[in-house]
Amino acid sequence: MAIKTHAFCFPDYDSRIFELEQIEAVTVEPHPVYPDINQYKKTFKTNKRPDVDIIRSIENAEESANRELLTYRTTEKMLLTTAGILARVNSGVQPNAKEQEMLDSLMAFDVKIWKNDEEKKRKIAQVLEGLEPDIDSGWEKLV
């Protein structure tokens, strides 16, 4: 005996901004296949999450984007090496070409991280204005 199943259509929503509420009800309408019983219906609606939850999701998205810029393997090496270079530059030593390349690379990451910080602030401002920002767009990541 074959069992016929029905797929439910869930609404398309961002679960970081909304919670899905499922409403179940037995109706007085007869079932189309089994007319002796009433239909059982499920409907869905979305409820906006508290601002604090949405802001936390935005902060997590920023952190995720920044982690794509500097991985665990590259961060420690880059930071320690460039700290040494900057200490030598501070004492008057001119960096060689390789050292300058590393400083330039670090500054390029710095620009992207500051852009991500501005994107986070923009999205948080949207939340506080009652808007629903696209949490995934606009982040600086590796290309």
N, C-alpha and C. Protein backbone atom coordinates (compact mmCIF):
# COMPACT_ATOMS: atom_id res chain seq x y z
N MET A 1 0.84 -1.17 0.00
CA MET A 1 0.00 0.00 0.00
C MET A 1 0.89 1.25 0.00
N ALA A 2 0.67 2.10 -0.96
CA ALA A 2 1.46 3.32 -1.06
C ALA A 2 0.88 4.40 -0.15
N ILE A 3 1.78 5.12 0.51
CA ILE A 3 1.35 6.21 1.39
C ILE A 3 1.63 7.52 0.67
N LYS A 4 0.61 8.33 0.56
CA LYS A 4 0.75 9.61 -0.11
C LYS A 4 1.08 10.66 0.95
N THR A 5 2.16 11.37 0.74
CA THR A 5 2.53 12.42 1.68
C THR A 5 2.37 13.77 1.02
N HIS A 6 2.16 14.77 1.81
CA HIS A 6 2.00 16.14 1.31
C HIS A 6 3.16 16.98 1.84
N ALA A 7 3.80 17.67 0.95
CA ALA A 7 4.89 18.55 1.34
C ALA A 7 4.32 19.89 1.78
N PHE A 8 4.78 20.38 2.88
CA PHE A 8 4.35 21.69 3.36
C PHE A 8 5.25 22.75 2.74
N CYS A 9 4.67 23.85 2.39
CA CYS A 9 5.44 24.97 1.84
C CYS A 9 5.73 25.94 2.96
N PHE A 10 6.97 26.01 3.35
CA PHE A 10 7.36 26.95 4.38
C PHE A 10 7.64 28.29 3.75
N PRO A 11 7.32 29.37 4.43
CA PRO A 11 7.60 30.69 3.86
C PRO A 11 9.11 30.94 3.78
N ASP A 12 9.49 31.76 2.82
CA ASP A 12 10.88 32.15 2.67
C ASP A 12 11.13 33.32 3.61
N TYR A 13 11.98 33.12 4.59
CA TYR A 13 12.23 34.17 5.57
C TYR A 13 13.64 34.02 6.13
N ASP A 14 14.16 35.08 6.71
CA ASP A 14 15.47 35.06 7.35
C ASP A 14 15.25 34.75 8.83
N SER A 15 15.68 33.58 9.25
CA SER A 15 15.43 33.15 10.63
C SER A 15 16.23 33.95 11.66
N ARG A 16 17.17 34.77 11.20
CA ARG A 16 17.89 35.64 12.13
C ARG A 16 17.08 36.90 12.45
N ILE A 17 16.12 37.21 11.60
CA ILE A 17 15.28 38.39 11.80
C ILE A 17 13.88 38.01 12.28
N PHE A 18 13.40 36.88 11.83
CA PHE A 18 12.04 36.44 12.16
C PHE A 18 12.03 35.06 12.80
N GLU A 19 11.01 34.83 13.60
CA GLU A 19 10.71 33.50 14.12
C GLU A 19 9.49 33.01 13.36
N LEU A 20 9.46 31.74 13.05
CA LEU A 20 8.33 31.15 12.33
C LEU A 20 7.34 30.59 13.33
N GLU A 21 6.11 31.01 13.20
CA GLU A 21 5.04 30.49 14.05
C GLU A 21 4.17 29.58 13.20
N GLN A 22 3.95 28.39 13.68
CA GLN A 22 3.12 27.41 12.97
C GLN A 22 1.75 27.37 13.65
N ILE A 23 0.72 27.52 12.85
CA ILE A 23 -0.64 27.51 13.38
C ILE A 23 -1.34 26.28 12.80
N GLU A 24 -1.83 25.42 13.67
CA GLU A 24 -2.49 24.19 13.25
C GLU A 24 -3.96 24.26 13.64
N ALA A 25 -4.81 23.80 12.73
CA ALA A 25 -6.24 23.85 13.02
C ALA A 25 -6.97 22.74 12.28
N VAL A 26 -7.97 22.20 12.93
CA VAL A 26 -8.88 21.27 12.29
C VAL A 26 -10.05 22.14 11.81
N THR A 27 -10.36 22.05 10.53
CA THR A 27 -11.41 22.89 9.96
C THR A 27 -12.72 22.11 9.90
N VAL A 28 -13.76 22.80 9.46
CA VAL A 28 -15.05 22.14 9.24
C VAL A 28 -15.22 21.75 7.77
N GLU A 29 -14.16 21.98 7.00
CA GLU A 29 -14.19 21.62 5.57
C GLU A 29 -13.84 20.15 5.42
N PRO A 30 -14.59 19.40 4.60
CA PRO A 30 -14.26 17.99 4.40
C PRO A 30 -12.95 17.83 3.64
N HIS A 31 -12.23 16.81 3.99
CA HIS A 31 -10.97 16.50 3.32
C HIS A 31 -11.28 16.08 1.88
N PRO A 32 -10.48 16.53 0.87
CA PRO A 32 -10.80 16.20 -0.52
C PRO A 32 -10.69 14.70 -0.85
N VAL A 33 -9.83 13.98 -0.17
CA VAL A 33 -9.66 12.55 -0.44
C VAL A 33 -10.51 11.71 0.51
N TYR A 34 -10.64 12.16 1.75
CA TYR A 34 -11.40 11.44 2.77
C TYR A 34 -12.55 12.33 3.24
N PRO A 35 -13.63 12.41 2.51
CA PRO A 35 -14.71 13.36 2.81
C PRO A 35 -15.41 13.10 4.16
N ASP A 36 -15.18 11.97 4.76
CA ASP A 36 -15.81 11.70 6.06
C ASP A 36 -15.10 12.39 7.23
N ILE A 37 -13.91 12.93 6.95
CA ILE A 37 -13.18 13.64 8.01
C ILE A 37 -12.90 15.07 7.56
N ASN A 38 -12.71 15.93 8.52
CA ASN A 38 -12.43 17.34 8.21
C ASN A 38 -10.94 17.54 7.90
N GLN A 39 -10.68 18.63 7.19
CA GLN A 39 -9.29 18.96 6.83
C GLN A 39 -8.52 19.46 8.05
N TYR A 40 -7.27 19.12 8.06
CA TYR A 40 -6.32 19.60 9.06
C TYR A 40 -5.39 20.56 8.32
N LYS A 41 -5.33 21.80 8.74
CA LYS A 41 -4.53 22.78 8.01
C LYS A 41 -3.44 23.36 8.89
N LYS A 42 -2.32 23.57 8.25
CA LYS A 42 -1.20 24.25 8.91
C LYS A 42 -0.95 25.55 8.14
N THR A 43 -0.84 26.61 8.86
CA THR A 43 -0.46 27.88 8.26
C THR A 43 0.73 28.42 9.05
N PHE A 44 1.41 29.34 8.45
CA PHE A 44 2.61 29.88 9.07
C PHE A 44 2.57 31.40 9.03
N LYS A 45 3.17 31.99 10.03
CA LYS A 45 3.37 33.44 10.00
C LYS A 45 4.71 33.72 10.66
N THR A 46 5.28 34.84 10.30
CA THR A 46 6.57 35.22 10.87
C THR A 46 6.37 36.34 11.87
N ASN A 47 7.13 36.27 12.94
CA ASN A 47 7.14 37.30 13.97
C ASN A 47 8.55 37.85 14.07
N LYS A 48 8.66 39.15 14.07
CA LYS A 48 9.99 39.76 14.13
C LYS A 48 10.64 39.50 15.49
N ARG A 49 11.91 39.15 15.43
CA ARG A 49 12.68 38.91 16.65
C ARG A 49 12.98 40.25 17.34
N PRO A 50 13.33 40.22 18.61
CA PRO A 50 13.74 41.45 19.30
C PRO A 50 15.01 42.03 18.65
N ASP A 51 15.13 43.35 18.68
CA ASP A 51 16.28 44.02 18.07
C ASP A 51 17.60 43.46 18.57
N VAL A 52 17.68 43.14 19.86
CA VAL A 52 18.93 42.64 20.43
C VAL A 52 19.36 41.34 19.74
N ASP A 53 18.42 40.49 19.38
CA ASP A 53 18.74 39.23 18.69
C ASP A 53 19.22 39.49 17.26
N ILE A 54 18.57 40.42 16.59
CA ILE A 54 18.95 40.76 15.21
C ILE A 54 20.34 41.39 15.19
N ILE A 55 20.59 42.27 16.14
CA ILE A 55 21.91 42.94 16.23
C ILE A 55 23.00 41.90 16.51
N ARG A 56 22.71 40.92 17.35
CA ARG A 56 23.69 39.86 17.61
C ARG A 56 24.01 39.10 16.32
N SER A 57 23.01 38.86 15.50
CA SER A 57 23.23 38.18 14.21
C SER A 57 24.07 39.03 13.28
N ILE A 58 23.88 40.33 13.30
CA ILE A 58 24.70 41.23 12.48
C ILE A 58 26.14 41.20 12.97
N GLU A 59 26.34 41.25 14.26
CA GLU A 59 27.70 41.19 14.81
C GLU A 59 28.37 39.86 14.47
N ASN A 60 27.61 38.78 14.50
CA ASN A 60 28.16 37.48 14.11
C ASN A 60 28.54 37.45 12.63
N ALA A 61 27.73 38.08 11.79
CA ALA A 61 28.04 38.13 10.35
C ALA A 61 29.31 38.94 10.10
N GLU A 62 29.48 40.03 10.85
CA GLU A 62 30.72 40.82 10.72
C GLU A 62 31.92 39.98 11.13
N GLU A 63 31.80 39.30 12.24
CA GLU A 63 32.91 38.46 12.72
C GLU A 63 33.24 37.38 11.70
N SER A 64 32.23 36.78 11.12
CA SER A 64 32.45 35.75 10.11
C SER A 64 33.17 36.32 8.89
N ALA A 65 32.76 37.50 8.44
CA ALA A 65 33.42 38.14 7.30
C ALA A 65 34.88 38.45 7.63
N ASN A 66 35.13 38.96 8.83
CA ASN A 66 36.50 39.29 9.23
C ASN A 66 37.37 38.03 9.34
N ARG A 67 36.79 36.94 9.78
CA ARG A 67 37.54 35.67 9.88
C ARG A 67 37.90 35.13 8.50
N GLU A 68 37.11 35.49 7.50
CA GLU A 68 37.47 35.10 6.13
C GLU A 68 38.66 35.92 5.62
N LEU A 69 38.79 37.13 6.14
CA LEU A 69 39.90 37.99 5.72
C LEU A 69 41.23 37.50 6.28
N LEU A 70 41.24 37.21 7.56
CA LEU A 70 42.45 36.76 8.23
C LEU A 70 42.17 35.42 8.89
N THR A 71 42.75 34.38 8.37
CA THR A 71 42.56 33.07 8.95
C THR A 71 43.47 32.89 10.16
N TYR A 72 43.21 31.88 10.93
CA TYR A 72 44.02 31.60 12.11
C TYR A 72 45.50 31.43 11.72
N ARG A 73 45.74 30.76 10.61
CA ARG A 73 47.13 30.51 10.19
C ARG A 73 47.85 31.79 9.80
N THR A 74 47.18 32.68 9.12
CA THR A 74 47.86 33.89 8.64
C THR A 74 47.88 35.01 9.68
N THR A 75 46.89 35.08 10.53
CA THR A 75 46.77 36.20 11.47
C THR A 75 47.96 36.30 12.40
N GLU A 76 48.27 35.22 13.09
CA GLU A 76 49.34 35.27 14.09
C GLU A 76 50.69 35.61 13.43
N LYS A 77 50.98 34.97 12.32
CA LYS A 77 52.25 35.22 11.64
C LYS A 77 52.31 36.67 11.15
N MET A 78 51.23 37.12 10.53
CA MET A 78 51.23 38.48 10.00
C MET A 78 51.34 39.52 11.11
N LEU A 79 50.58 39.35 12.18
CA LEU A 79 50.60 40.33 13.25
C LEU A 79 51.96 40.38 13.96
N LEU A 80 52.53 39.22 14.25
CA LEU A 80 53.82 39.21 14.93
C LEU A 80 54.93 39.77 14.04
N THR A 81 54.91 39.39 12.78
CA THR A 81 55.95 39.86 11.87
C THR A 81 55.84 41.37 11.65
N THR A 82 54.63 41.85 11.42
CA THR A 82 54.48 43.29 11.17
C THR A 82 54.71 44.10 12.44
N ALA A 83 54.44 43.52 13.61
CA ALA A 83 54.76 44.23 14.86
C ALA A 83 56.27 44.46 14.97
N GLY A 84 57.03 43.44 14.60
CA GLY A 84 58.49 43.59 14.61
C GLY A 84 58.96 44.63 13.59
N ILE A 85 58.36 44.60 12.43
CA ILE A 85 58.72 45.58 11.38
C ILE A 85 58.40 46.99 11.87
N LEU A 86 57.20 47.17 12.42
CA LEU A 86 56.80 48.50 12.90
C LEU A 86 57.69 48.99 14.05
N ALA A 87 58.14 48.06 14.91
CA ALA A 87 59.05 48.45 15.99
C ALA A 87 60.37 48.95 15.40
N ARG A 88 60.86 48.28 14.34
CA ARG A 88 62.10 48.74 13.70
C ARG A 88 61.88 50.07 12.99
N VAL A 89 60.74 50.23 12.32
CA VAL A 89 60.44 51.50 11.65
C VAL A 89 60.36 52.61 12.68
N ASN A 90 59.76 52.34 13.83
CA ASN A 90 59.64 53.33 14.90
C ASN A 90 61.00 53.77 15.43
N SER A 91 61.98 52.88 15.35
CA SER A 91 63.32 53.25 15.82
C SER A 91 64.19 53.77 14.68
N GLY A 92 63.58 54.03 13.52
CA GLY A 92 64.29 54.69 12.43
C GLY A 92 64.81 53.78 11.33
N VAL A 93 64.56 52.48 11.39
CA VAL A 93 65.04 51.56 10.36
C VAL A 93 64.03 51.54 9.22
N GLN A 94 64.53 51.74 8.00
CA GLN A 94 63.67 51.71 6.82
C GLN A 94 63.34 50.26 6.45
N PRO A 95 62.06 49.91 6.23
CA PRO A 95 61.74 48.53 5.88
C PRO A 95 62.25 48.18 4.48
N ASN A 96 62.70 46.91 4.32
CA ASN A 96 63.10 46.47 2.99
C ASN A 96 61.84 46.19 2.16
N ALA A 97 62.02 45.77 0.91
CA ALA A 97 60.88 45.57 0.00
C ALA A 97 59.90 44.51 0.53
N LYS A 98 60.43 43.41 1.04
CA LYS A 98 59.57 42.34 1.56
C LYS A 98 58.79 42.82 2.79
N GLU A 99 59.47 43.54 3.66
CA GLU A 99 58.80 44.07 4.85
C GLU A 99 57.72 45.09 4.47
N GLN A 100 58.03 45.93 3.50
CA GLN A 100 57.04 46.92 3.05
C GLN A 100 55.83 46.23 2.44
N GLU A 101 56.08 45.14 1.73
CA GLU A 101 54.98 44.36 1.14
C GLU A 101 54.08 43.80 2.24
N MET A 102 54.70 43.34 3.33
CA MET A 102 53.91 42.81 4.45
C MET A 102 53.11 43.93 5.13
N LEU A 103 53.72 45.10 5.29
CA LEU A 103 53.00 46.23 5.89
C LEU A 103 51.83 46.65 5.01
N ASP A 104 52.05 46.70 3.70
CA ASP A 104 50.99 47.06 2.77
C ASP A 104 49.85 46.04 2.83
N SER A 105 50.21 44.76 2.94
CA SER A 105 49.21 43.70 3.03
C SER A 105 48.37 43.86 4.30
N LEU A 106 49.04 44.16 5.41
CA LEU A 106 48.33 44.36 6.66
C LEU A 106 47.40 45.56 6.56
N MET A 107 47.86 46.64 5.94
CA MET A 107 47.02 47.83 5.80
C MET A 107 45.82 47.55 4.91
N ALA A 108 45.97 46.69 3.91
CA ALA A 108 44.84 46.33 3.04
C ALA A 108 43.78 45.58 3.85
N PHE A 109 44.21 44.70 4.76
CA PHE A 109 43.26 44.02 5.63
C PHE A 109 42.58 45.02 6.57
N ASP A 110 43.35 45.97 7.06
CA ASP A 110 42.83 46.98 7.97
C ASP A 110 41.69 47.76 7.31
N VAL A 111 41.86 48.12 6.05
CA VAL A 111 40.82 48.86 5.33
C VAL A 111 39.54 48.03 5.25
N LYS A 112 39.67 46.76 4.92
CA LYS A 112 38.49 45.89 4.81
C LYS A 112 37.80 45.70 6.16
N ILE A 113 38.59 45.58 7.21
CA ILE A 113 38.00 45.40 8.54
C ILE A 113 37.24 46.65 8.97
N TRP A 114 37.79 47.84 8.66
CA TRP A 114 37.08 49.08 8.98
C TRP A 114 35.81 49.22 8.15
N LYS A 115 35.85 48.77 6.89
CA LYS A 115 34.64 48.80 6.05
C LYS A 115 33.58 47.88 6.64
N ASN A 116 34.00 46.72 7.14
CA ASN A 116 33.04 45.81 7.78
C ASN A 116 32.45 46.42 9.04
N ASP A 117 33.25 47.16 9.78
CA ASP A 117 32.75 47.84 10.97
C ASP A 117 31.69 48.87 10.59
N GLU A 118 31.93 49.61 9.52
CA GLU A 118 30.94 50.60 9.05
C GLU A 118 29.68 49.91 8.55
N GLU A 119 29.82 48.77 7.87
CA GLU A 119 28.66 48.02 7.39
C GLU A 119 27.83 47.53 8.58
N LYS A 120 28.50 47.06 9.62
CA LYS A 120 27.80 46.61 10.83
C LYS A 120 27.01 47.77 11.44
N LYS A 121 27.63 48.93 11.56
CA LYS A 121 26.95 50.10 12.14
C LYS A 121 25.75 50.50 11.29
N ARG A 122 25.88 50.43 9.96
CA ARG A 122 24.79 50.79 9.06
C ARG A 122 23.61 49.83 9.25
N LYS A 123 23.90 48.53 9.33
CA LYS A 123 22.85 47.53 9.50
C LYS A 123 22.17 47.66 10.87
N ILE A 124 22.94 47.93 11.90
CA ILE A 124 22.36 48.12 13.24
C ILE A 124 21.46 49.35 13.25
N ALA A 125 21.88 50.42 12.58
CA ALA A 125 21.04 51.62 12.49
C ALA A 125 19.73 51.30 11.79
N GLN A 126 19.78 50.46 10.75
CA GLN A 126 18.56 50.06 10.07
C GLN A 126 17.62 49.32 11.02
N VAL A 127 18.17 48.41 11.82
CA VAL A 127 17.36 47.67 12.78
C VAL A 127 16.70 48.63 13.76
N LEU A 128 17.46 49.59 14.27
CA LEU A 128 16.93 50.54 15.25
C LEU A 128 15.87 51.46 14.63
N GLU A 129 15.89 51.59 13.29
CA GLU A 129 14.86 52.37 12.58
C GLU A 129 13.64 51.51 12.24
N GLY A 130 13.67 50.24 12.62
CA GLY A 130 12.54 49.36 12.36
C GLY A 130 12.62 48.64 11.02
N LEU A 131 13.76 48.75 10.33
CA LEU A 131 13.93 48.10 9.03
C LEU A 131 14.50 46.70 9.21
N GLU A 132 14.51 45.95 8.13
CA GLU A 132 15.02 44.58 8.14
C GLU A 132 16.18 44.48 7.16
N PRO A 133 17.41 44.65 7.63
CA PRO A 133 18.56 44.66 6.72
C PRO A 133 18.86 43.27 6.15
N ASP A 134 19.52 43.28 5.01
CA ASP A 134 20.04 42.03 4.43
C ASP A 134 21.35 41.75 5.16
N ILE A 135 21.31 40.84 6.09
CA ILE A 135 22.46 40.59 6.96
C ILE A 135 23.66 40.06 6.19
N ASP A 136 23.44 39.35 5.10
CA ASP A 136 24.55 38.70 4.38
C ASP A 136 25.25 39.58 3.35
N SER A 137 24.67 40.67 2.94
CA SER A 137 25.27 41.46 1.86
C SER A 137 26.15 42.58 2.41
N GLY A 138 27.07 43.03 1.56
CA GLY A 138 27.86 44.23 1.86
C GLY A 138 29.15 44.02 2.62
N TRP A 139 29.46 42.81 3.02
CA TRP A 139 30.66 42.55 3.81
C TRP A 139 31.88 42.42 2.91
N GLU A 140 33.00 42.93 3.38
CA GLU A 140 34.28 42.77 2.71
C GLU A 140 34.82 41.39 3.05
N LYS A 141 35.13 40.62 2.03
CA LYS A 141 35.69 39.28 2.22
C LYS A 141 36.82 39.10 1.23
N LEU A 142 37.50 37.97 1.31
CA LEU A 142 38.53 37.67 0.32
C LEU A 142 37.88 37.46 -1.02
N VAL A 143 38.54 37.93 -2.05
CA VAL A 143 38.00 37.73 -3.41
C VAL A 143 38.67 36.61 -4.11
